[in-house]
Amino acid sequence: MTKELQAVGMVEFNSIATGIDASDHMVKAASVQILFMKTICPGKFVAAIHGDVAAVQASVEAGIQAGADTVVDHFLIPRIHPAVVAALSCAVELQDGRGALGVLETFSAASAVAAADQAVKAADVDLLEVRMAMGLGGKAYVLVHGEVAAVEASVDAGAAEVARNGLLVRRTVIPSLDPQVFQHIL
């Protein structure tokens, strides 16, 4: 079982140097813990932190201020769904690929995490993966699995979250994914 986090915030930068510097400002601005900080393609840096809502808000604001014009995207999610944290850490295992698969493709890593949170809160689906911009040309994607109607509702909710900022690349729902394809996408 994944530990439930109070709030998660993330800032995505188009400069690694500035991202590292801004990350230092983020953790010094408030009492937060680092969830992860890493480079992603193409030459971007993401910093994700967690803590209570006020602390995460202050931390994200500090990152935005320090990152200035290098900030690509950011979010603050109070009460993030535990499945999102598990999917980010590749801790999800699903043996049976029968059912529908939904895919949300985004232009930023931060928007994929926000989309995943909305998607998994909207319907009874399994969140399989949140893949963030490694070998993807700076894009990211979310995979959800379950009954067709639930996957459709989930993808609709995630897509709406990302489309608001103009960061949705594509979305699709495959009603009955072939087991061979399922084995090779995870």
C-alpha atoms as a PDB file:
ATOM      1  CA  MET A   1       0.000   0.000   0.000  1.00  0.00           C
ATOM      2  CA  THR A   2       1.341   3.412  -0.972  1.00  0.00           C
ATOM      3  CA  LYS A   3       1.529   6.039   1.754  1.00  0.00           C
ATOM      4  CA  GLU A   4      -1.073   8.749   1.297  1.00  0.00           C
ATOM      5  CA  LEU A   5       0.506  12.170   0.836  1.00  0.00           C
ATOM      6  CA  GLN A   6      -1.206  15.383   1.936  1.00  0.00           C
ATOM      7  CA  ALA A   7      -0.241  17.428  -1.118  1.00  0.00           C
ATOM      8  CA  VAL A   8       2.179  17.116  -4.014  1.00  0.00           C
ATOM      9  CA  GLY A   9       3.639  19.933  -6.059  1.00  0.00           C
ATOM     10  CA  MET A  10       5.856  19.877  -9.109  1.00  0.00           C
ATOM     11  CA  VAL A  11       7.669  22.434 -11.221  1.00  0.00           C
ATOM     12  CA  GLU A  12       9.082  21.598 -14.651  1.00  0.00           C
ATOM     13  CA  PHE A  13      11.947  23.692 -16.043  1.00  0.00           C
ATOM     14  CA  ASN A  14      13.479  23.897 -19.535  1.00  0.00           C
ATOM     15  CA  SER A  15      16.933  24.456 -18.001  1.00  0.00           C
ATOM     16  CA  ILE A  16      18.704  21.859 -15.874  1.00  0.00           C
ATOM     17  CA  ALA A  17      20.959  24.410 -14.152  1.00  0.00           C
ATOM     18  CA  THR A  18      18.083  26.722 -13.296  1.00  0.00           C
ATOM     19  CA  GLY A  19      15.932  23.751 -12.299  1.00  0.00           C
ATOM     20  CA  ILE A  20      18.487  22.572  -9.758  1.00  0.00           C
ATOM     21  CA  ASP A  21      18.909  26.097  -8.392  1.00  0.00           C
ATOM     22  CA  ALA A  22      15.139  26.640  -8.204  1.00  0.00           C
ATOM     23  CA  SER A  23      14.735  23.250  -6.489  1.00  0.00           C
ATOM     24  CA  ASP A  24      17.059  24.439  -3.751  1.00  0.00           C
ATOM     25  CA  HIS A  25      14.831  27.501  -3.315  1.00  0.00           C
ATOM     26  CA  MET A  26      11.777  25.224  -3.187  1.00  0.00           C
ATOM     27  CA  VAL A  27      12.999  23.075  -0.302  1.00  0.00           C
ATOM     28  CA  LYS A  28      14.333  26.075   1.602  1.00  0.00           C
ATOM     29  CA  ALA A  29      11.055  28.010   1.242  1.00  0.00           C
ATOM     30  CA  ALA A  30       8.896  25.654   3.310  1.00  0.00           C
ATOM     31  CA  SER A  31       8.861  22.432   5.282  1.00  0.00           C
ATOM     32  CA  VAL A  32       8.492  19.953   2.403  1.00  0.00           C
ATOM     33  CA  GLN A  33      10.052  16.635   1.465  1.00  0.00           C
ATOM     34  CA  ILE A  34      11.449  15.773  -1.946  1.00  0.00           C
ATOM     35  CA  LEU A  35       9.374  13.192  -3.826  1.00  0.00           C
ATOM     36  CA  PHE A  36      11.810  13.227  -6.764  1.00  0.00           C
ATOM     37  CA  MET A  37      14.063  15.600  -8.677  1.00  0.00           C
ATOM     38  CA  LYS A  38      15.527  14.552 -12.014  1.00  0.00           C
ATOM     39  CA  THR A  39      16.466  15.439 -15.538  1.00  0.00           C
ATOM     40  CA  ILE A  40      14.064  14.496 -18.309  1.00  0.00           C
ATOM     41  CA  CYS A  41      14.179  14.828 -22.088  1.00  0.00           C
ATOM     42  CA  PRO A  42      14.852  17.083 -23.924  1.00  0.00           C
ATOM     43  CA  GLY A  43      17.197  18.722 -21.430  1.00  0.00           C
ATOM     44  CA  LYS A  44      14.513  19.602 -18.881  1.00  0.00           C
ATOM     45  CA  PHE A  45      14.437  19.214 -15.098  1.00  0.00           C
ATOM     46  CA  VAL A  46      11.505  18.393 -12.815  1.00  0.00           C
ATOM     47  CA  ALA A  47      11.229  18.877  -9.080  1.00  0.00           C
ATOM     48  CA  ALA A  48       8.391  17.226  -7.140  1.00  0.00           C
ATOM     49  CA  ILE A  49       7.827  17.778  -3.432  1.00  0.00           C
ATOM     50  CA  HIS A  50       5.209  16.823  -0.854  1.00  0.00           C
ATOM     51  CA  GLY A  51       3.974  18.077   2.497  1.00  0.00           C
ATOM     52  CA  ASP A  52       1.003  19.956   3.863  1.00  0.00           C
ATOM     53  CA  VAL A  53      -0.914  22.087   1.371  1.00  0.00           C
ATOM     54  CA  ALA A  54       0.348  25.482   2.575  1.00  0.00           C
ATOM     55  CA  ALA A  55       3.974  24.334   2.583  1.00  0.00           C
ATOM     56  CA  VAL A  56       3.700  22.799  -0.883  1.00  0.00           C
ATOM     57  CA  GLN A  57       2.039  25.979  -2.184  1.00  0.00           C
ATOM     58  CA  ALA A  58       4.883  28.120  -0.798  1.00  0.00           C
ATOM     59  CA  SER A  59       7.471  25.729  -2.218  1.00  0.00           C
ATOM     60  CA  VAL A  60       5.933  25.685  -5.713  1.00  0.00           C
ATOM     61  CA  GLU A  61       5.671  29.484  -5.698  1.00  0.00           C
ATOM     62  CA  ALA A  62       9.354  29.728  -4.715  1.00  0.00           C
ATOM     63  CA  GLY A  63      10.267  27.394  -7.583  1.00  0.00           C
ATOM     64  CA  ILE A  64       8.241  29.420 -10.068  1.00  0.00           C
ATOM     65  CA  GLN A  65       9.819  32.665  -8.881  1.00  0.00           C
ATOM     66  CA  ALA A  66      13.370  31.270  -8.950  1.00  0.00           C
ATOM     67  CA  GLY A  67      12.811  29.516 -12.286  1.00  0.00           C
ATOM     68  CA  ALA A  68      11.220  32.589 -13.893  1.00  0.00           C
ATOM     69  CA  ASP A  69      11.146  32.226 -17.686  1.00  0.00           C
ATOM     70  CA  THR A  70      12.462  28.632 -17.585  1.00  0.00           C
ATOM     71  CA  VAL A  71       9.253  27.274 -16.006  1.00  0.00           C
ATOM     72  CA  VAL A  72       7.459  25.042 -18.513  1.00  0.00           C
ATOM     73  CA  ASP A  73       4.614  23.854 -16.298  1.00  0.00           C
ATOM     74  CA  HIS A  74       3.708  23.337 -12.641  1.00  0.00           C
ATOM     75  CA  PHE A  75       0.984  21.985 -10.388  1.00  0.00           C
ATOM     76  CA  LEU A  76      -0.181  21.636  -6.809  1.00  0.00           C
ATOM     77  CA  ILE A  77      -2.463  18.686  -6.052  1.00  0.00           C
ATOM     78  CA  PRO A  78      -3.991  18.503  -2.581  1.00  0.00           C
ATOM     79  CA  ARG A  79      -4.917  14.921  -1.621  1.00  0.00           C
ATOM     80  CA  ILE A  80      -3.207  13.323  -4.613  1.00  0.00           C
ATOM     81  CA  HIS A  81      -4.548   9.848  -5.312  1.00  0.00           C
ATOM     82  CA  PRO A  82      -2.155   7.166  -3.943  1.00  0.00           C
ATOM     83  CA  ALA A  83      -2.276   5.335  -7.298  1.00  0.00           C
ATOM     84  CA  VAL A  84      -0.528   8.302  -8.930  1.00  0.00           C
ATOM     85  CA  VAL A  85       2.405   8.053  -6.523  1.00  0.00           C
ATOM     86  CA  ALA A  86       2.622   4.283  -7.162  1.00  0.00           C
ATOM     87  CA  ALA A  87       2.526   4.778 -10.946  1.00  0.00           C
ATOM     88  CA  LEU A  88       5.275   7.405 -10.769  1.00  0.00           C
ATOM     89  CA  SER A  89       7.504   4.981  -8.894  1.00  0.00           C
ATOM     90  CA  CYS A  90       6.710   2.079 -11.286  1.00  0.00           C
ATOM     91  CA  ALA A  91       5.180   0.092  -8.416  1.00  0.00           C
ATOM     92  CA  VAL A  92       2.095  -1.024 -10.362  1.00  0.00           C
ATOM     93  CA  GLU A  93       1.705  -4.613 -11.539  1.00  0.00           C
ATOM     94  CA  LEU A  94      -1.224  -5.905 -13.543  1.00  0.00           C
ATOM     95  CA  GLN A  95      -1.217  -9.495 -14.716  1.00  0.00           C
ATOM     96  CA  ASP A  96      -4.395  -9.551 -16.807  1.00  0.00           C
ATOM     97  CA  GLY A  97      -4.417  -7.218 -19.787  1.00  0.00           C
ATOM     98  CA  ARG A  98      -8.034  -7.906 -20.710  1.00  0.00           C
ATOM     99  CA  GLY A  99     -10.207  -4.827 -20.774  1.00  0.00           C
ATOM    100  CA  ALA A 100      -9.881  -1.359 -22.191  1.00  0.00           C
ATOM    101  CA  LEU A 101      -6.737   0.751 -22.270  1.00  0.00           C
ATOM    102  CA  GLY A 102      -6.776   4.533 -22.177  1.00  0.00           C
ATOM    103  CA  VAL A 103      -3.808   6.658 -23.201  1.00  0.00           C
ATOM    104  CA  LEU A 104      -3.338  10.360 -22.463  1.00  0.00           C
ATOM    105  CA  GLU A 105      -0.352  11.977 -24.216  1.00  0.00           C
ATOM    106  CA  THR A 106       0.810  15.407 -23.025  1.00  0.00           C
ATOM    107  CA  PHE A 107       3.370  18.055 -23.910  1.00  0.00           C
ATOM    108  CA  SER A 108       4.779  18.238 -20.356  1.00  0.00           C
ATOM    109  CA  ALA A 109       5.608  15.935 -17.476  1.00  0.00           C
ATOM    110  CA  ALA A 110       3.734  18.058 -14.949  1.00  0.00           C
ATOM    111  CA  SER A 111       0.533  17.985 -16.993  1.00  0.00           C
ATOM    112  CA  ALA A 112       0.701  14.175 -17.221  1.00  0.00           C
ATOM    113  CA  VAL A 113       0.791  13.856 -13.431  1.00  0.00           C
ATOM    114  CA  ALA A 114      -2.154  16.251 -13.053  1.00  0.00           C
ATOM    115  CA  ALA A 115      -4.056  14.337 -15.762  1.00  0.00           C
ATOM    116  CA  ALA A 116      -3.340  11.013 -14.036  1.00  0.00           C
ATOM    117  CA  ASP A 117      -4.693  12.320 -10.740  1.00  0.00           C
ATOM    118  CA  GLN A 118      -7.930  13.521 -12.350  1.00  0.00           C
ATOM    119  CA  ALA A 119      -8.265  10.337 -14.411  1.00  0.00           C
ATOM    120  CA  VAL A 120      -7.963   7.951 -11.480  1.00  0.00           C
ATOM    121  CA  LYS A 121     -10.294  10.046  -9.302  1.00  0.00           C
ATOM    122  CA  ALA A 122     -12.972  10.139 -12.023  1.00  0.00           C
ATOM    123  CA  ALA A 123     -13.590   6.414 -12.456  1.00  0.00           C
ATOM    124  CA  ASP A 124     -12.771   2.954 -11.165  1.00  0.00           C
ATOM    125  CA  VAL A 125      -9.671   2.247 -13.267  1.00  0.00           C
ATOM    126  CA  ASP A 126      -6.179   0.923 -12.702  1.00  0.00           C
ATOM    127  CA  LEU A 127      -3.521   3.572 -13.245  1.00  0.00           C
ATOM    128  CA  LEU A 128      -0.768   1.574 -14.917  1.00  0.00           C
ATOM    129  CA  GLU A 129       1.877   4.162 -15.635  1.00  0.00           C
ATOM    130  CA  VAL A 130       2.805   7.823 -15.746  1.00  0.00           C
ATOM    131  CA  ARG A 131       5.792   8.000 -18.111  1.00  0.00           C
ATOM    132  CA  MET A 132       7.580  11.316 -17.914  1.00  0.00           C
ATOM    133  CA  ALA A 133       9.578  12.577 -20.864  1.00  0.00           C
ATOM    134  CA  MET A 134      12.468  10.106 -20.934  1.00  0.00           C
ATOM    135  CA  GLY A 135      13.122   9.229 -24.559  1.00  0.00           C
ATOM    136  CA  LEU A 136       9.857  10.914 -25.508  1.00  0.00           C
ATOM    137  CA  GLY A 137      11.047  14.266 -26.862  1.00  0.00           C
ATOM    138  CA  GLY A 138       9.766  16.102 -23.806  1.00  0.00           C
ATOM    139  CA  LYS A 139       6.296  14.573 -23.925  1.00  0.00           C
ATOM    140  CA  ALA A 140       4.708  12.347 -21.289  1.00  0.00           C
ATOM    141  CA  TYR A 141       1.871   9.852 -21.179  1.00  0.00           C
ATOM    142  CA  VAL A 142      -0.573   8.151 -18.832  1.00  0.00           C
ATOM    143  CA  LEU A 143      -1.965   4.610 -19.153  1.00  0.00           C
ATOM    144  CA  VAL A 144      -5.241   3.583 -17.486  1.00  0.00           C
ATOM    145  CA  HIS A 145      -6.932   0.175 -17.655  1.00  0.00           C
ATOM    146  CA  GLY A 146     -10.368  -1.197 -16.823  1.00  0.00           C
ATOM    147  CA  GLU A 147     -13.911  -1.564 -18.104  1.00  0.00           C
ATOM    148  CA  VAL A 148     -14.604   0.414 -21.290  1.00  0.00           C
ATOM    149  CA  ALA A 149     -17.050   2.925 -19.752  1.00  0.00           C
ATOM    150  CA  ALA A 150     -14.768   3.576 -16.778  1.00  0.00           C
ATOM    151  CA  VAL A 151     -11.719   4.055 -19.006  1.00  0.00           C
ATOM    152  CA  GLU A 152     -13.665   6.452 -21.241  1.00  0.00           C
ATOM    153  CA  ALA A 153     -14.768   8.524 -18.211  1.00  0.00           C
ATOM    154  CA  SER A 154     -11.247   8.458 -16.832  1.00  0.00           C
ATOM    155  CA  VAL A 155      -9.651   9.583 -20.102  1.00  0.00           C
ATOM    156  CA  ASP A 156     -12.286  12.320 -20.499  1.00  0.00           C
ATOM    157  CA  ALA A 157     -11.454  13.707 -17.044  1.00  0.00           C
ATOM    158  CA  GLY A 158      -7.689  13.540 -17.558  1.00  0.00           C
ATOM    159  CA  ALA A 159      -7.918  15.097 -21.016  1.00  0.00           C
ATOM    160  CA  ALA A 160     -10.077  17.956 -19.726  1.00  0.00           C
ATOM    161  CA  GLU A 161      -7.461  18.724 -17.060  1.00  0.00           C
ATOM    162  CA  VAL A 162      -4.647  18.950 -19.622  1.00  0.00           C
ATOM    163  CA  ALA A 163      -6.633  20.615 -22.413  1.00  0.00           C
ATOM    164  CA  ARG A 164      -7.306  23.553 -20.098  1.00  0.00           C
ATOM    165  CA  ASN A 165      -3.635  24.548 -20.492  1.00  0.00           C
ATOM    166  CA  GLY A 166      -3.330  23.540 -24.145  1.00  0.00           C
ATOM    167  CA  LEU A 167      -0.932  20.695 -23.279  1.00  0.00           C
ATOM    168  CA  LEU A 168      -2.920  17.711 -24.581  1.00  0.00           C
ATOM    169  CA  VAL A 169      -1.256  15.995 -27.558  1.00  0.00           C
ATOM    170  CA  ARG A 170      -3.655  13.078 -28.085  1.00  0.00           C
ATOM    171  CA  ARG A 171      -5.951  10.730 -26.219  1.00  0.00           C
ATOM    172  CA  THR A 172      -7.310   7.337 -27.110  1.00  0.00           C
ATOM    173  CA  VAL A 173      -9.359   4.493 -25.671  1.00  0.00           C
ATOM    174  CA  ILE A 174      -8.756   0.994 -27.020  1.00  0.00           C
ATOM    175  CA  PRO A 175     -11.798  -1.110 -26.033  1.00  0.00           C
ATOM    176  CA  SER A 176     -10.060  -4.506 -26.192  1.00  0.00           C
ATOM    177  CA  LEU A 177      -6.272  -4.347 -26.291  1.00  0.00           C
ATOM    178  CA  ASP A 178      -4.535  -7.389 -27.748  1.00  0.00           C
ATOM    179  CA  PRO A 179      -2.629  -9.261 -24.991  1.00  0.00           C
ATOM    180  CA  GLN A 180       0.601  -9.126 -27.027  1.00  0.00           C
ATOM    181  CA  VAL A 181       0.446  -5.339 -27.174  1.00  0.00           C
ATOM    182  CA  PHE A 182      -0.373  -5.159 -23.473  1.00  0.00           C
ATOM    183  CA  GLN A 183       2.737  -7.188 -22.578  1.00  0.00           C
ATOM    184  CA  HIS A 184       5.010  -4.872 -24.536  1.00  0.00           C
ATOM    185  CA  ILE A 185       3.773  -1.458 -23.494  1.00  0.00           C
ATOM    186  CA  LEU A 186       4.492  -1.851 -19.789  1.00  0.00           C
END
